[in-house]
């Protein structure tokens, strides 16, 4: 009986040890699984920064450009933008730094973020709003121009995929608002600040530019103007280096050497051979229109007999 009890006690101890080891292995497996899931979630939530380098840059005729952020997350009641992977105000700052370029010699531009919020409304709707303005100032600080750009977005995400204010949803509504802001800001600048637009080399692009070549007779003037839908170019005919010879009027008379003056009725007698007068081919119409008249009586005499 003693041996049997010892054997049973040994088996019980062994069973308990196996159970303990199994429990420990299960716990380790669970921890490993949880860690794996966490790693997978972290990879899925690795949101890439917004990029705007593929869009055309806007060159301004100023020497410096600054960005002023007056819309910190949480400044609006109910704002949940602080939970976004990239808060809206940071996205606006990045856009201004990538798209607005100071390409002038003097003056300054200040891009101000007045508001950037995402509010979680009842029912799961996300309402986003962005308010910005751009100031152009002279070298003395005088206000020379200003434009405003405002954007609003409303999105009702699929709640079956997670909370309405999840990081993925906040990232998506911010991306949509930034698309709208890029279009709106560029439209306002090109319409209201076109006199301050230059190319990459600092040359004006909006106002008409008059150019003239100094190549003598090949000199020509041209002007270009932006009509909104395209550039219209007009050119003038080349100017001659020597003044043009005045054209004689239409009623000018022929040279004196080629004209024959008709005899005056009061001072001369009619020609016996050509009573109507002599007309030369070079005489104009006024000099040939002489009325024919008969000689006076007794003027013509028969030749005398020898």
Protein backbone atom coordinates (compact mmCIF):
# COMPACT_ATOMS: atom_id res chain seq x y z
CA UNK A 1 0.00 0.00 0.00
CA UNK A 2 2.83 2.35 0.75
CA UNK A 3 4.43 1.77 -2.64
CA UNK A 4 1.14 2.37 -4.45
CA UNK A 5 0.64 5.64 -2.61
CA UNK A 6 4.16 6.75 -3.50
CA UNK A 7 3.54 5.92 -7.16
CA UNK A 8 0.29 7.88 -7.22
CA UNK A 9 1.91 10.80 -5.49
CA UNK A 10 4.71 10.81 -8.09
CA UNK A 11 2.24 10.73 -10.98
CA UNK A 12 0.27 13.58 -9.46
CA UNK A 13 3.34 15.70 -9.10
CA UNK A 14 4.34 14.99 -12.70
CA UNK A 15 0.88 15.91 -13.95
CA UNK A 16 0.96 19.13 -12.03
CA UNK A 17 4.36 20.02 -13.51
CA UNK A 18 3.12 19.30 -17.05
CA UNK A 19 0.06 21.47 -16.48
CA UNK A 20 2.22 24.29 -15.17
CA UNK A 21 4.52 24.08 -18.16
CA UNK A 22 1.55 24.00 -20.54
CA UNK A 23 0.06 27.03 -18.86
CA UNK A 24 3.34 28.90 -19.12
CA UNK A 25 3.69 28.03 -22.81
CA UNK A 26 0.14 29.15 -23.50
CA UNK A 27 0.79 32.43 -21.76
CA UNK A 28 3.96 32.98 -23.77
CA UNK A 29 2.11 32.17 -26.99
CA UNK A 30 -0.62 34.65 -26.13
CA UNK A 31 1.94 37.35 -25.37
CA UNK A 32 3.69 36.66 -28.67
CA UNK A 33 0.40 36.81 -30.56
CA UNK A 34 -0.53 40.09 -28.94
CA UNK A 35 2.87 41.50 -29.78
CA UNK A 36 2.49 40.36 -33.36
CA UNK A 37 -0.91 41.99 -33.65
CA UNK A 38 0.47 45.20 -32.20
CA UNK A 39 3.27 45.22 -34.73
CA UNK A 40 0.78 44.68 -37.54
CA UNK A 41 -1.43 47.51 -36.30
CA UNK A 42 1.55 49.84 -36.06
CA UNK A 43 2.49 49.03 -39.65
CA UNK A 44 -1.06 49.69 -40.85
CA UNK A 45 -1.21 53.01 -39.04
CA UNK A 46 2.09 54.31 -40.40
CA UNK A 47 0.51 57.28 -42.24
CA UNK A 48 2.74 58.93 -44.79
CA UNK A 49 3.24 62.72 -44.71
CA UNK A 50 1.30 64.74 -47.26
CA UNK A 51 3.43 65.80 -50.23
CA UNK A 52 2.82 68.76 -52.58
CA UNK A 53 6.09 68.89 -54.50
CA UNK A 54 4.39 67.48 -57.61
CA UNK A 55 2.24 70.63 -57.90
CA UNK A 56 3.39 73.84 -59.59
CA UNK A 57 5.17 76.21 -57.27
CA UNK A 58 3.81 79.75 -56.86
CA UNK A 59 6.67 82.27 -57.13
CA UNK A 60 6.02 85.60 -55.42
CA UNK A 61 7.87 88.86 -56.01
CA UNK A 62 9.06 89.10 -52.39
CA UNK A 63 12.38 88.50 -50.69
CA UNK A 64 11.13 86.48 -47.70
CA UNK A 65 8.24 84.15 -46.88
CA UNK A 66 6.98 83.27 -43.39
CA UNK A 67 4.29 80.95 -42.04
CA UNK A 68 2.28 81.94 -38.95
CA UNK A 69 0.25 79.19 -37.24
CA UNK A 70 -2.61 80.60 -35.17
CA UNK A 71 -4.67 77.40 -35.13
CA UNK A 72 -3.24 75.00 -32.61
CA UNK A 73 -5.26 71.77 -32.22
CA UNK A 74 -7.99 72.06 -29.60
CA UNK A 75 -8.52 75.79 -30.03
CA UNK A 76 -12.10 75.10 -31.22
CA UNK A 77 -14.60 73.41 -28.86
CA UNK A 78 -14.99 69.75 -29.78
CA UNK A 79 -11.90 69.77 -32.00
CA UNK A 80 -10.35 66.30 -32.30
CA UNK A 81 -7.65 67.20 -34.84
CA UNK A 82 -4.96 66.63 -32.23
CA UNK A 83 -5.61 62.88 -32.60
CA UNK A 84 -4.95 62.95 -36.33
CA UNK A 85 -1.67 61.40 -37.52
CA UNK A 86 -0.92 64.76 -39.18
CA UNK A 87 -2.96 67.62 -37.67
CA UNK A 88 -4.50 70.01 -40.23
CA UNK A 89 -2.39 73.00 -39.16
CA UNK A 90 0.80 71.01 -39.72
CA UNK A 91 -0.43 69.94 -43.16
CA UNK A 92 -1.11 73.60 -44.06
CA UNK A 93 2.36 74.61 -42.91
CA UNK A 94 3.93 71.91 -45.05
CA UNK A 95 1.86 72.98 -48.07
CA UNK A 96 2.90 76.63 -47.74
CA UNK A 97 6.58 75.69 -47.44
CA UNK A 98 6.47 73.47 -50.52
CA UNK A 99 4.26 75.56 -52.83
CA UNK A 100 4.93 79.23 -52.00
CA UNK A 101 8.35 80.53 -53.04
CA UNK A 102 9.93 83.96 -52.43
CA UNK A 103 11.61 84.86 -55.75
CA UNK A 104 11.95 88.65 -55.48
CA UNK A 105 14.48 91.17 -54.21
CA UNK A 106 12.46 93.07 -51.59
CA UNK A 107 9.30 92.87 -49.55
CA UNK A 108 7.85 89.92 -47.65
CA UNK A 109 4.93 87.51 -47.66
CA UNK A 110 3.22 86.03 -44.60
CA UNK A 111 1.00 82.95 -44.88
CA UNK A 112 -1.24 82.83 -41.80
CA UNK A 113 -3.25 79.80 -40.62
CA UNK A 114 -6.30 81.31 -38.94
CA UNK A 115 -8.18 78.07 -38.29
CA UNK A 116 -7.74 74.32 -38.78
CA UNK A 117 -10.12 72.01 -36.93
CA UNK A 118 -12.04 68.73 -37.14
CA UNK A 119 -15.15 68.41 -35.01
CA UNK A 120 -16.83 65.06 -34.25
CA UNK A 121 -20.54 65.76 -34.59
CA UNK A 122 -23.32 63.55 -33.16
CA UNK A 123 -24.02 60.56 -35.37
CA UNK A 124 -20.40 60.07 -36.34
CA UNK A 125 -20.10 62.93 -38.86
CA UNK A 126 -16.74 64.69 -39.07
CA UNK A 127 -16.79 68.39 -39.97
CA UNK A 128 -13.49 69.92 -40.99
CA UNK A 129 -12.65 73.58 -41.57
CA UNK A 130 -9.56 75.51 -42.70
CA UNK A 131 -9.13 79.30 -42.82
CA UNK A 132 -5.99 80.97 -44.17
CA UNK A 133 -4.83 84.29 -45.64
CA UNK A 134 -1.73 85.53 -47.41
CA UNK A 135 -0.32 89.05 -46.93
CA UNK A 136 2.12 90.87 -49.22
CA UNK A 137 4.12 93.65 -47.57
CA UNK A 138 6.65 96.15 -48.90
CA UNK A 139 10.16 96.50 -47.52
CA UNK A 140 8.83 99.20 -45.18
CA UNK A 141 6.05 96.97 -43.84
CA UNK A 142 3.25 98.57 -45.85
CA UNK A 143 0.34 96.30 -46.77
CA UNK A 144 0.40 95.81 -50.54
CA UNK A 145 -2.01 92.91 -51.10
CA UNK A 146 -4.00 90.17 -49.37
CA UNK A 147 -6.02 87.08 -50.26
CA UNK A 148 -8.08 84.67 -48.18
CA UNK A 149 -8.77 80.97 -48.72
CA UNK A 150 -11.45 79.03 -46.81
CA UNK A 151 -12.30 75.33 -47.02
CA UNK A 152 -14.93 73.16 -45.31
CA UNK A 153 -15.47 69.42 -45.51
CA UNK A 154 -18.04 67.02 -44.07
CA UNK A 155 -17.42 63.28 -43.99
CA UNK A 156 -19.51 60.46 -42.56
CA UNK A 157 -17.12 57.50 -42.26
CA UNK A 158 -18.10 53.85 -42.19
CA UNK A 159 -18.57 53.09 -38.51
CA UNK A 160 -18.40 49.35 -39.15
CA UNK A 161 -14.65 49.75 -39.72
CA UNK A 162 -14.00 51.61 -36.51
CA UNK A 163 -14.75 54.78 -34.63
CA UNK A 164 -15.63 57.92 -36.55
CA UNK A 165 -12.71 59.80 -35.05
CA UNK A 166 -10.18 57.04 -35.62
CA UNK A 167 -6.74 58.03 -36.82
CA UNK A 168 -7.47 56.67 -40.29
CA UNK A 169 -10.64 58.75 -40.64
CA UNK A 170 -8.97 61.90 -39.35
CA UNK A 171 -6.14 61.35 -41.80
CA UNK A 172 -8.60 60.98 -44.68
CA UNK A 173 -10.68 64.08 -43.99
CA UNK A 174 -7.49 66.12 -43.58
CA UNK A 175 -6.26 64.85 -46.95
CA UNK A 176 -9.54 65.86 -48.61
CA UNK A 177 -9.43 69.35 -47.10
CA UNK A 178 -5.84 69.82 -48.25
CA UNK A 179 -6.81 68.96 -51.82
CA UNK A 180 -9.49 71.66 -51.72
CA UNK A 181 -7.15 74.17 -50.09
CA UNK A 182 -4.48 73.73 -52.76
CA UNK A 183 -6.99 74.57 -55.48
CA UNK A 184 -8.66 77.45 -53.62
CA UNK A 185 -5.46 79.16 -52.50
CA UNK A 186 -3.88 79.07 -55.97
CA UNK A 187 -7.09 80.38 -57.56
CA UNK A 188 -7.25 83.33 -55.16
CA UNK A 189 -3.58 84.20 -55.61
CA UNK A 190 -3.68 84.11 -59.42
CA UNK A 191 -6.80 86.29 -59.50
CA UNK A 192 -6.07 88.86 -56.78
CA UNK A 193 -2.28 88.90 -56.52
CA UNK A 194 -1.36 88.41 -60.18
CA UNK A 195 0.78 91.57 -60.14
CA UNK A 196 3.01 89.84 -57.57
CA UNK A 197 3.55 86.66 -59.54
CA UNK A 198 6.95 86.05 -61.10
CA UNK A 199 8.72 83.13 -62.70
CA UNK A 200 11.56 81.20 -61.11
CA UNK A 201 14.00 83.87 -62.27
CA UNK A 202 12.03 86.74 -60.73
CA UNK A 203 10.56 88.09 -64.00
CA UNK A 204 6.90 89.24 -63.95
CA UNK A 205 4.48 86.83 -65.55
CA UNK A 206 1.06 88.51 -65.33
CA UNK A 207 1.33 92.11 -66.60
CA UNK A 208 1.93 92.82 -70.28
CA UNK A 209 5.61 93.27 -71.07
CA UNK A 210 6.69 95.60 -73.88
CA UNK A 211 9.91 94.64 -75.66
CA UNK A 212 11.71 96.30 -78.57
CA UNK A 213 14.66 95.07 -80.57
CA UNK A 214 17.49 97.44 -81.51
CA UNK A 215 18.25 95.73 -84.81
CA UNK A 216 17.55 98.75 -87.08
CA UNK A 217 15.00 98.00 -89.80
CA UNK A 218 14.12 94.71 -88.12
CA UNK A 219 12.95 96.48 -84.98
CA UNK A 220 9.52 95.37 -83.89
CA UNK A 221 7.44 95.74 -80.78
CA UNK A 222 5.43 92.99 -79.19
CA UNK A 223 3.26 92.63 -76.14
CA UNK A 224 1.90 89.69 -74.27
CA UNK A 225 -1.12 89.55 -72.02
CA UNK A 226 -2.61 86.84 -69.89
CA UNK A 227 -6.28 86.45 -70.74
CA UNK A 228 -6.99 83.74 -68.20
CA UNK A 229 -7.36 80.95 -70.75
CA UNK A 230 -4.01 81.52 -72.36
CA UNK A 231 -1.41 84.03 -73.46
CA UNK A 232 -2.25 86.31 -76.34
CA UNK A 233 0.67 87.83 -78.24
CA UNK A 234 0.35 90.83 -80.51
CA UNK A 235 3.08 92.35 -82.67
CA UNK A 236 3.47 95.53 -84.70
CA UNK A 237 4.96 95.83 -88.19
CA UNK A 238 8.69 96.66 -88.33
CA UNK A 239 9.47 100.34 -88.43
CA UNK A 240 11.64 101.67 -91.28
CA UNK A 241 14.89 103.34 -90.39
CA UNK A 242 14.25 106.19 -92.94
CA UNK A 243 11.14 108.33 -93.07
CA UNK A 244 8.74 107.49 -95.87
CA UNK A 245 8.51 109.83 -98.88
CA UNK A 246 5.22 111.73 -98.90
CA UNK A 247 2.84 110.60 -101.60
CA UNK A 248 1.75 113.25 -104.07
CA UNK A 249 -1.94 114.14 -103.82
CA UNK A 250 -4.29 112.64 -106.36
CA UNK A 251 -5.12 115.98 -107.93
CA UNK A 252 -1.48 116.95 -108.52
CA UNK A 253 -0.72 118.47 -111.92
CA UNK A 254 1.76 117.04 -114.39
CA UNK A 255 5.23 118.57 -114.68
CA UNK A 256 5.35 121.99 -116.34
CA UNK A 257 7.56 120.75 -119.15
CA UNK A 258 4.89 118.30 -120.29
CA UNK A 259 1.93 120.63 -120.09
CA UNK A 260 0.64 123.03 -122.76
CA UNK A 261 -1.36 125.97 -121.59
CA UNK A 262 -4.46 126.72 -123.60
CA UNK A 263 -4.57 130.16 -125.16
CA UNK A 264 -6.67 132.71 -123.42
CA UNK A 265 -9.73 133.88 -125.25
CA UNK A 266 -9.08 137.50 -124.32
CA UNK A 267 -5.38 137.78 -125.12
CA UNK A 268 -4.79 135.56 -128.20
CA UNK A 269 -6.36 134.92 -131.57
CA UNK A 270 -7.54 131.43 -132.52
CA UNK A 271 -5.20 129.26 -134.56
CA UNK A 272 -6.23 129.21 -138.15
CA UNK A 273 -5.14 125.63 -138.66
CA UNK A 274 -6.32 124.21 -135.29
CA UNK A 275 -9.17 126.39 -134.12
CA UNK A 276 -9.75 124.15 -131.15
CA UNK A 277 -6.23 124.55 -129.89
CA UNK A 278 -3.35 122.13 -129.71
CA UNK A 279 -3.57 119.33 -127.18
CA UNK A 280 -0.56 117.35 -126.12
CA UNK A 281 -0.83 113.75 -124.85
CA UNK A 282 0.67 114.78 -121.55
CA UNK A 283 -1.86 117.52 -120.99
CA UNK A 284 -4.38 116.75 -118.29
CA UNK A 285 -8.11 116.81 -118.77
CA UNK A 286 -8.46 120.38 -117.56
CA UNK A 287 -6.08 121.82 -120.22
CA UNK A 288 -7.64 119.90 -123.14
CA UNK A 289 -11.17 120.95 -122.47
CA UNK A 290 -10.92 124.10 -124.71
CA UNK A 291 -14.02 125.05 -126.60
CA UNK A 292 -13.71 125.20 -130.47
CA UNK A 293 -14.45 128.62 -131.98
CA UNK A 294 -14.45 129.95 -135.58
CA UNK A 295 -12.00 132.66 -136.67
CA UNK A 296 -13.24 136.19 -136.98
CA UNK A 297 -14.70 137.34 -140.30
CA UNK A 298 -12.08 138.46 -142.82
CA UNK A 299 -9.29 136.73 -140.96
CA UNK A 300 -8.84 134.00 -143.54
CA UNK A 301 -7.67 135.30 -146.98
CA UNK A 302 -7.03 133.45 -150.24
CA UNK A 303 -3.50 133.53 -151.46
CA UNK A 304 -2.80 136.23 -154.06
CA UNK A 305 -2.08 135.27 -157.63
CA UNK A 306 1.49 135.79 -158.85
